[in-house]
Amino acid sequence: MFGLYISHPEVSIDPDVPIPRWGLSERGRARAGVAAQAGWARRLGRIVSSDETKALETAGILADVSGAIVEVLENAGENDRSATGFLPSAAFEAAADSFFAKPSVSFRGWETADDAQARIVQAVTTVLDTHDPTVPIAFIGHGGVGTLLYCHLSGLPISRAHDQGPGGGHLFAFPLRAVRDRSEDVCETAFSLARHRPVCKWTRIEDWQGWTDG
């Protein structure tokens, strides 16, 4: 069985509203609605979301179809950009480039990529440590920290080269089965994200064909 990390789709941008409180745009809601009709979405047994509005709204659309209750996960929000607040598109893209290119350096007071990666990895691992691996689970969050999680899972250095596509609303899947430690011939007792590499790259939520059991 697999776990999913899903980034929220398009949002309604309002410079007068704090970024974590931005909601989905009409297009974002429509895309989430299409994804929710897929077989994989209907099979979700657990949905865990960042506390940011856009993520919660995405989670709610999936929960309406799957019947899963949305759980709010602390410390799973997007990288903290409150030091600069809203940035116009071109300025934001340049800032994001710097964020990924210099993981240990703060861009004008932003949370560093190294710190954001450690935070999201810890948050997801805490959930999966006690999760039943036979139950399909989806983490609903954000493109930035999602990419940092993808890099960690894949054993890759932090790089924007592994970022999701434009518009948000992408996902990747990773296996939940226990991994046998061949050196000790025992199964791990705690979930190790670093040993559960993604089985697909970022894919648009409405395009993903779902998993196969195994």
C-alpha atoms as a PDB file:
ATOM      1  CA  MET A   1       0.000   0.000   0.000  1.00  0.00           C
ATOM      2  CA  PHE A   2       1.074   3.572  -0.601  1.00  0.00           C
ATOM      3  CA  GLY A   3       1.026   6.938   1.067  1.00  0.00           C
ATOM      4  CA  LEU A   4       0.490  10.144  -0.865  1.00  0.00           C
ATOM      5  CA  TYR A   5       1.749  13.664  -0.454  1.00  0.00           C
ATOM      6  CA  ILE A   6      -0.629  16.083  -2.205  1.00  0.00           C
ATOM      7  CA  SER A   7      -0.050  19.783  -2.726  1.00  0.00           C
ATOM      8  CA  HIS A   8      -3.038  22.105  -2.854  1.00  0.00           C
ATOM      9  CA  PRO A   9      -4.014  23.412  -6.312  1.00  0.00           C
ATOM     10  CA  GLU A  10      -4.464  27.052  -7.371  1.00  0.00           C
ATOM     11  CA  VAL A  11      -5.341  29.643  -4.729  1.00  0.00           C
ATOM     12  CA  SER A  12      -7.060  33.017  -4.584  1.00  0.00           C
ATOM     13  CA  ILE A  13      -4.199  35.457  -4.060  1.00  0.00           C
ATOM     14  CA  ASP A  14      -5.034  38.409  -1.827  1.00  0.00           C
ATOM     15  CA  PRO A  15      -2.126  40.616  -0.695  1.00  0.00           C
ATOM     16  CA  ASP A  16      -4.293  41.888   2.185  1.00  0.00           C
ATOM     17  CA  VAL A  17      -4.809  38.387   3.642  1.00  0.00           C
ATOM     18  CA  PRO A  18      -2.048  36.440   5.442  1.00  0.00           C
ATOM     19  CA  ILE A  19      -0.690  33.806   3.047  1.00  0.00           C
ATOM     20  CA  PRO A  20      -1.584  30.820   5.297  1.00  0.00           C
ATOM     21  CA  ARG A  21      -5.221  31.930   5.151  1.00  0.00           C
ATOM     22  CA  TRP A  22      -5.512  32.069   1.377  1.00  0.00           C
ATOM     23  CA  GLY A  23      -8.218  29.729   0.079  1.00  0.00           C
ATOM     24  CA  LEU A  24      -8.574  27.793  -3.147  1.00  0.00           C
ATOM     25  CA  SER A  25      -9.537  29.622  -6.309  1.00  0.00           C
ATOM     26  CA  GLU A  26     -12.444  28.483  -8.469  1.00  0.00           C
ATOM     27  CA  ARG A  27      -9.990  26.611 -10.694  1.00  0.00           C
ATOM     28  CA  GLY A  28      -8.289  25.043  -7.680  1.00  0.00           C
ATOM     29  CA  ARG A  29     -11.611  23.773  -6.337  1.00  0.00           C
ATOM     30  CA  ALA A  30     -12.548  22.391  -9.731  1.00  0.00           C
ATOM     31  CA  ARG A  31      -9.273  20.485 -10.073  1.00  0.00           C
ATOM     32  CA  ALA A  32      -9.569  19.058  -6.564  1.00  0.00           C
ATOM     33  CA  GLY A  33     -13.120  17.994  -7.395  1.00  0.00           C
ATOM     34  CA  VAL A  34     -11.965  16.117 -10.487  1.00  0.00           C
ATOM     35  CA  ALA A  35      -9.237  14.351  -8.508  1.00  0.00           C
ATOM     36  CA  ALA A  36     -11.736  13.409  -5.792  1.00  0.00           C
ATOM     37  CA  GLN A  37     -13.725  11.352  -8.305  1.00  0.00           C
ATOM     38  CA  ALA A  38     -10.767   9.081  -9.047  1.00  0.00           C
ATOM     39  CA  GLY A  39     -10.655   5.585  -7.629  1.00  0.00           C
ATOM     40  CA  TRP A  40      -7.538   6.262  -5.558  1.00  0.00           C
ATOM     41  CA  ALA A  41      -9.240   9.183  -3.812  1.00  0.00           C
ATOM     42  CA  ARG A  42     -12.290   7.133  -2.914  1.00  0.00           C
ATOM     43  CA  ARG A  43     -10.028   4.530  -1.275  1.00  0.00           C
ATOM     44  CA  LEU A  44      -8.304   6.919   1.116  1.00  0.00           C
ATOM     45  CA  GLY A  45      -8.696   5.719   4.685  1.00  0.00           C
ATOM     46  CA  ARG A  46      -6.897   8.600   6.326  1.00  0.00           C
ATOM     47  CA  ILE A  47      -6.364  12.246   5.376  1.00  0.00           C
ATOM     48  CA  VAL A  48      -3.879  14.411   7.268  1.00  0.00           C
ATOM     49  CA  SER A  49      -3.647  18.107   6.450  1.00  0.00           C
ATOM     50  CA  SER A  50      -1.575  21.175   7.125  1.00  0.00           C
ATOM     51  CA  ASP A  51      -3.532  23.780   9.096  1.00  0.00           C
ATOM     52  CA  GLU A  52      -3.352  26.304   6.241  1.00  0.00           C
ATOM     53  CA  THR A  53      -6.725  27.163   4.666  1.00  0.00           C
ATOM     54  CA  LYS A  54      -5.859  26.093   1.110  1.00  0.00           C
ATOM     55  CA  ALA A  55      -4.680  22.690   2.316  1.00  0.00           C
ATOM     56  CA  LEU A  56      -7.713  22.191   4.562  1.00  0.00           C
ATOM     57  CA  GLU A  57     -10.060  23.035   1.709  1.00  0.00           C
ATOM     58  CA  THR A  58      -8.304  20.511  -0.550  1.00  0.00           C
ATOM     59  CA  ALA A  59      -8.477  17.896   2.204  1.00  0.00           C
ATOM     60  CA  GLY A  60     -12.169  18.583   2.732  1.00  0.00           C
ATOM     61  CA  ILE A  61     -12.982  17.967  -0.937  1.00  0.00           C
ATOM     62  CA  LEU A  62     -11.194  14.602  -0.807  1.00  0.00           C
ATOM     63  CA  ALA A  63     -12.781  13.719   2.533  1.00  0.00           C
ATOM     64  CA  ASP A  64     -16.293  14.372   1.220  1.00  0.00           C
ATOM     65  CA  VAL A  65     -15.817  11.517  -1.248  1.00  0.00           C
ATOM     66  CA  SER A  66     -13.668   9.095   0.740  1.00  0.00           C
ATOM     67  CA  GLY A  67     -15.490   9.500   4.049  1.00  0.00           C
ATOM     68  CA  ALA A  68     -12.201   9.920   5.906  1.00  0.00           C
ATOM     69  CA  ILE A  69     -12.039  12.459   8.714  1.00  0.00           C
ATOM     70  CA  VAL A  70      -9.540  15.268   8.132  1.00  0.00           C
ATOM     71  CA  GLU A  71      -6.818  15.334  10.772  1.00  0.00           C
ATOM     72  CA  VAL A  72      -4.841  18.545  11.244  1.00  0.00           C
ATOM     73  CA  LEU A  73      -1.086  18.026  11.494  1.00  0.00           C
ATOM     74  CA  GLU A  74       1.003  20.558  13.379  1.00  0.00           C
ATOM     75  CA  ASN A  75       4.261  21.802  11.871  1.00  0.00           C
ATOM     76  CA  ALA A  76       3.223  20.745   8.368  1.00  0.00           C
ATOM     77  CA  GLY A  77       2.692  24.198   6.854  1.00  0.00           C
ATOM     78  CA  GLU A  78       4.567  25.733   3.959  1.00  0.00           C
ATOM     79  CA  ASN A  79       8.019  27.191   4.530  1.00  0.00           C
ATOM     80  CA  ASP A  80       7.647  30.281   6.741  1.00  0.00           C
ATOM     81  CA  ARG A  81       7.775  33.356   4.492  1.00  0.00           C
ATOM     82  CA  SER A  82       6.175  35.775   6.938  1.00  0.00           C
ATOM     83  CA  ALA A  83       9.324  37.917   7.109  1.00  0.00           C
ATOM     84  CA  THR A  84       8.613  39.269   3.625  1.00  0.00           C
ATOM     85  CA  GLY A  85       4.892  38.625   3.340  1.00  0.00           C
ATOM     86  CA  PHE A  86       3.341  38.715  -0.127  1.00  0.00           C
ATOM     87  CA  LEU A  87       5.777  39.065  -3.027  1.00  0.00           C
ATOM     88  CA  PRO A  88       4.769  39.750  -6.643  1.00  0.00           C
ATOM     89  CA  SER A  89       5.228  36.773  -8.956  1.00  0.00           C
ATOM     90  CA  ALA A  90       8.654  37.625 -10.383  1.00  0.00           C
ATOM     91  CA  ALA A  91      10.061  38.519  -6.962  1.00  0.00           C
ATOM     92  CA  PHE A  92       8.620  35.368  -5.439  1.00  0.00           C
ATOM     93  CA  GLU A  93      10.148  33.134  -8.108  1.00  0.00           C
ATOM     94  CA  ALA A  94      13.562  34.689  -7.513  1.00  0.00           C
ATOM     95  CA  ALA A  95      13.142  34.211  -3.765  1.00  0.00           C
ATOM     96  CA  ALA A  96      12.117  30.570  -4.240  1.00  0.00           C
ATOM     97  CA  ASP A  97      15.172  29.983  -6.430  1.00  0.00           C
ATOM     98  CA  SER A  98      17.375  31.321  -3.633  1.00  0.00           C
ATOM     99  CA  PHE A  99      15.525  29.266  -1.005  1.00  0.00           C
ATOM    100  CA  PHE A 100      16.296  26.006  -2.800  1.00  0.00           C
ATOM    101  CA  ALA A 101      19.759  26.964  -4.076  1.00  0.00           C
ATOM    102  CA  LYS A 102      21.082  27.897  -0.627  1.00  0.00           C
ATOM    103  CA  PRO A 103      19.341  25.498   1.796  1.00  0.00           C
ATOM    104  CA  SER A 104      21.228  26.651   4.888  1.00  0.00           C
ATOM    105  CA  VAL A 105      20.791  30.377   4.219  1.00  0.00           C
ATOM    106  CA  SER A 106      17.695  32.382   5.105  1.00  0.00           C
ATOM    107  CA  PHE A 107      16.298  34.539   2.322  1.00  0.00           C
ATOM    108  CA  ARG A 108      15.455  37.877   3.984  1.00  0.00           C
ATOM    109  CA  GLY A 109      14.261  36.174   7.162  1.00  0.00           C
ATOM    110  CA  TRP A 110      12.502  33.170   5.578  1.00  0.00           C
ATOM    111  CA  GLU A 111      12.756  29.769   7.228  1.00  0.00           C
ATOM    112  CA  THR A 112      15.704  27.988   5.625  1.00  0.00           C
ATOM    113  CA  ALA A 113      15.157  25.002   3.355  1.00  0.00           C
ATOM    114  CA  ASP A 114      17.207  22.829   5.714  1.00  0.00           C
ATOM    115  CA  ASP A 115      14.992  23.749   8.663  1.00  0.00           C
ATOM    116  CA  ALA A 116      11.774  23.386   6.675  1.00  0.00           C
ATOM    117  CA  GLN A 117      12.855  19.947   5.456  1.00  0.00           C
ATOM    118  CA  ALA A 118      13.671  18.741   8.967  1.00  0.00           C
ATOM    119  CA  ARG A 119      10.291  20.024  10.156  1.00  0.00           C
ATOM    120  CA  ILE A 120       8.162  18.343   7.466  1.00  0.00           C
ATOM    121  CA  VAL A 121      10.095  15.077   7.667  1.00  0.00           C
ATOM    122  CA  GLN A 122       9.571  14.971  11.434  1.00  0.00           C
ATOM    123  CA  ALA A 123       5.863  15.809  11.139  1.00  0.00           C
ATOM    124  CA  VAL A 124       5.159  13.114   8.546  1.00  0.00           C
ATOM    125  CA  THR A 125       7.302  10.510  10.298  1.00  0.00           C
ATOM    126  CA  THR A 126       5.476  11.100  13.587  1.00  0.00           C
ATOM    127  CA  VAL A 127       2.195  10.171  11.904  1.00  0.00           C
ATOM    128  CA  LEU A 128       3.556   7.158  10.041  1.00  0.00           C
ATOM    129  CA  ASP A 129       5.313   5.720  13.093  1.00  0.00           C
ATOM    130  CA  THR A 130       1.902   4.594  14.411  1.00  0.00           C
ATOM    131  CA  HIS A 131      -0.017   4.318  11.131  1.00  0.00           C
ATOM    132  CA  ASP A 132      -1.475   1.014   9.902  1.00  0.00           C
ATOM    133  CA  PRO A 133       0.410   0.445   6.600  1.00  0.00           C
ATOM    134  CA  THR A 134      -2.592  -1.360   5.102  1.00  0.00           C
ATOM    135  CA  VAL A 135      -4.619   1.874   5.182  1.00  0.00           C
ATOM    136  CA  PRO A 136      -4.128   4.326   2.272  1.00  0.00           C
ATOM    137  CA  ILE A 137      -3.132   7.722   3.678  1.00  0.00           C
ATOM    138  CA  ALA A 138      -2.805  11.160   2.104  1.00  0.00           C
ATOM    139  CA  PHE A 139      -0.896  14.133   3.485  1.00  0.00           C
ATOM    140  CA  ILE A 140      -2.321  17.385   2.129  1.00  0.00           C
ATOM    141  CA  GLY A 141       0.141  20.239   2.098  1.00  0.00           C
ATOM    142  CA  HIS A 142       2.250  22.513  -0.029  1.00  0.00           C
ATOM    143  CA  GLY A 143       4.626  22.491  -2.964  1.00  0.00           C
ATOM    144  CA  GLY A 144       7.676  23.877  -1.207  1.00  0.00           C
ATOM    145  CA  VAL A 145       7.845  21.566   1.791  1.00  0.00           C
ATOM    146  CA  GLY A 146       6.471  18.765  -0.374  1.00  0.00           C
ATOM    147  CA  THR A 147       9.501  19.095  -2.629  1.00  0.00           C
ATOM    148  CA  LEU A 148      11.786  19.055   0.399  1.00  0.00           C
ATOM    149  CA  LEU A 149      10.068  15.856   1.552  1.00  0.00           C
ATOM    150  CA  TYR A 150      10.421  14.370  -1.947  1.00  0.00           C
ATOM    151  CA  CYS A 151      14.152  15.116  -1.923  1.00  0.00           C
ATOM    152  CA  HIS A 152      14.526  13.439   1.472  1.00  0.00           C
ATOM    153  CA  LEU A 153      12.586  10.365   0.396  1.00  0.00           C
ATOM    154  CA  SER A 154      14.575  10.118  -2.817  1.00  0.00           C
ATOM    155  CA  GLY A 155      17.962  10.541  -1.165  1.00  0.00           C
ATOM    156  CA  LEU A 156      18.591  13.650  -3.256  1.00  0.00           C
ATOM    157  CA  PRO A 157      20.145  16.973  -2.267  1.00  0.00           C
ATOM    158  CA  ILE A 158      17.710  19.849  -1.938  1.00  0.00           C
ATOM    159  CA  SER A 159      17.113  21.356  -5.371  1.00  0.00           C
ATOM    160  CA  ARG A 160      14.279  23.158  -7.121  1.00  0.00           C
ATOM    161  CA  ALA A 161      14.890  20.803 -10.031  1.00  0.00           C
ATOM    162  CA  HIS A 162      12.624  18.381  -8.140  1.00  0.00           C
ATOM    163  CA  ASP A 163       9.826  20.920  -7.600  1.00  0.00           C
ATOM    164  CA  GLN A 164       6.236  20.278  -8.669  1.00  0.00           C
ATOM    165  CA  GLY A 165       4.844  21.672 -11.914  1.00  0.00           C
ATOM    166  CA  PRO A 166       3.077  25.030 -12.293  1.00  0.00           C
ATOM    167  CA  GLY A 167      -0.233  25.713 -10.597  1.00  0.00           C
ATOM    168  CA  GLY A 168       0.213  23.369  -7.662  1.00  0.00           C
ATOM    169  CA  GLY A 169      -2.167  20.460  -7.252  1.00  0.00           C
ATOM    170  CA  HIS A 170       0.402  17.690  -7.716  1.00  0.00           C
ATOM    171  CA  LEU A 171       1.157  14.508  -5.809  1.00  0.00           C
ATOM    172  CA  PHE A 172       3.709  11.764  -5.388  1.00  0.00           C
ATOM    173  CA  ALA A 173       3.314   8.311  -3.855  1.00  0.00           C
ATOM    174  CA  PHE A 174       5.586   6.289  -1.601  1.00  0.00           C
ATOM    175  CA  PRO A 175       5.261   2.733  -0.214  1.00  0.00           C
ATOM    176  CA  LEU A 176       4.104   2.070   3.332  1.00  0.00           C
ATOM    177  CA  ARG A 177       5.307  -1.520   3.618  1.00  0.00           C
ATOM    178  CA  ALA A 178       7.878  -2.308   6.288  1.00  0.00           C
ATOM    179  CA  VAL A 179      11.434  -2.534   4.988  1.00  0.00           C
ATOM    180  CA  ARG A 180      13.593  -5.464   6.094  1.00  0.00           C
ATOM    181  CA  ASP A 181      17.015  -4.600   7.415  1.00  0.00           C
ATOM    182  CA  ARG A 182      19.160  -7.236   5.707  1.00  0.00           C
ATOM    183  CA  SER A 183      22.126  -6.600   7.979  1.00  0.00           C
ATOM    184  CA  GLU A 184      20.131  -7.631  11.035  1.00  0.00           C
ATOM    185  CA  ASP A 185      17.425  -9.678   9.305  1.00  0.00           C
ATOM    186  CA  VAL A 186      14.701  -7.852  11.206  1.00  0.00           C
ATOM    187  CA  CYS A 187      11.965  -5.458  10.177  1.00  0.00           C
ATOM    188  CA  GLU A 188      12.239  -1.882  11.345  1.00  0.00           C
ATOM    189  CA  THR A 189       9.993  -0.984  14.268  1.00  0.00           C
ATOM    190  CA  ALA A 190       9.783   2.726  13.442  1.00  0.00           C
ATOM    191  CA  PHE A 191       8.914   4.220  10.076  1.00  0.00           C
ATOM    192  CA  SER A 192      11.923   5.570   8.228  1.00  0.00           C
ATOM    193  CA  LEU A 193      10.982   7.890   5.393  1.00  0.00           C
ATOM    194  CA  ALA A 194      14.484   7.689   3.981  1.00  0.00           C
ATOM    195  CA  ARG A 195      13.883   4.007   3.196  1.00  0.00           C
ATOM    196  CA  HIS A 196      10.583   4.450   1.375  1.00  0.00           C
ATOM    197  CA  ARG A 197      11.479   6.115  -1.895  1.00  0.00           C
ATOM    198  CA  PRO A 198       8.743   7.615  -4.108  1.00  0.00           C
ATOM    199  CA  VAL A 199       7.219   5.316  -6.702  1.00  0.00           C
ATOM    200  CA  CYS A 200       6.323   8.245  -8.953  1.00  0.00           C
ATOM    201  CA  LYS A 201       7.472  11.806  -9.508  1.00  0.00           C
ATOM    202  CA  TRP A 202       5.200  14.817  -8.945  1.00  0.00           C
ATOM    203  CA  THR A 203       2.046  14.205 -11.021  1.00  0.00           C
ATOM    204  CA  ARG A 204      -1.003  16.432 -11.493  1.00  0.00           C
ATOM    205  CA  ILE A 205      -3.751  15.273  -9.143  1.00  0.00           C
ATOM    206  CA  GLU A 206      -6.288  14.871 -11.928  1.00  0.00           C
ATOM    207  CA  ASP A 207      -3.861  12.821 -14.048  1.00  0.00           C
ATOM    208  CA  TRP A 208      -2.602  10.241 -11.540  1.00  0.00           C
ATOM    209  CA  GLN A 209      -3.896   6.750 -12.311  1.00  0.00           C
ATOM    210  CA  GLY A 210      -3.562   5.391  -8.784  1.00  0.00           C
ATOM    211  CA  TRP A 211      -1.563   2.676  -7.139  1.00  0.00           C
ATOM    212  CA  THR A 212      -1.448  -1.076  -7.457  1.00  0.00           C
ATOM    213  CA  ASP A 213      -1.635  -3.230  -4.354  1.00  0.00           C
ATOM    214  CA  GLY A 214       1.345  -5.245  -3.294  1.00  0.00           C
END
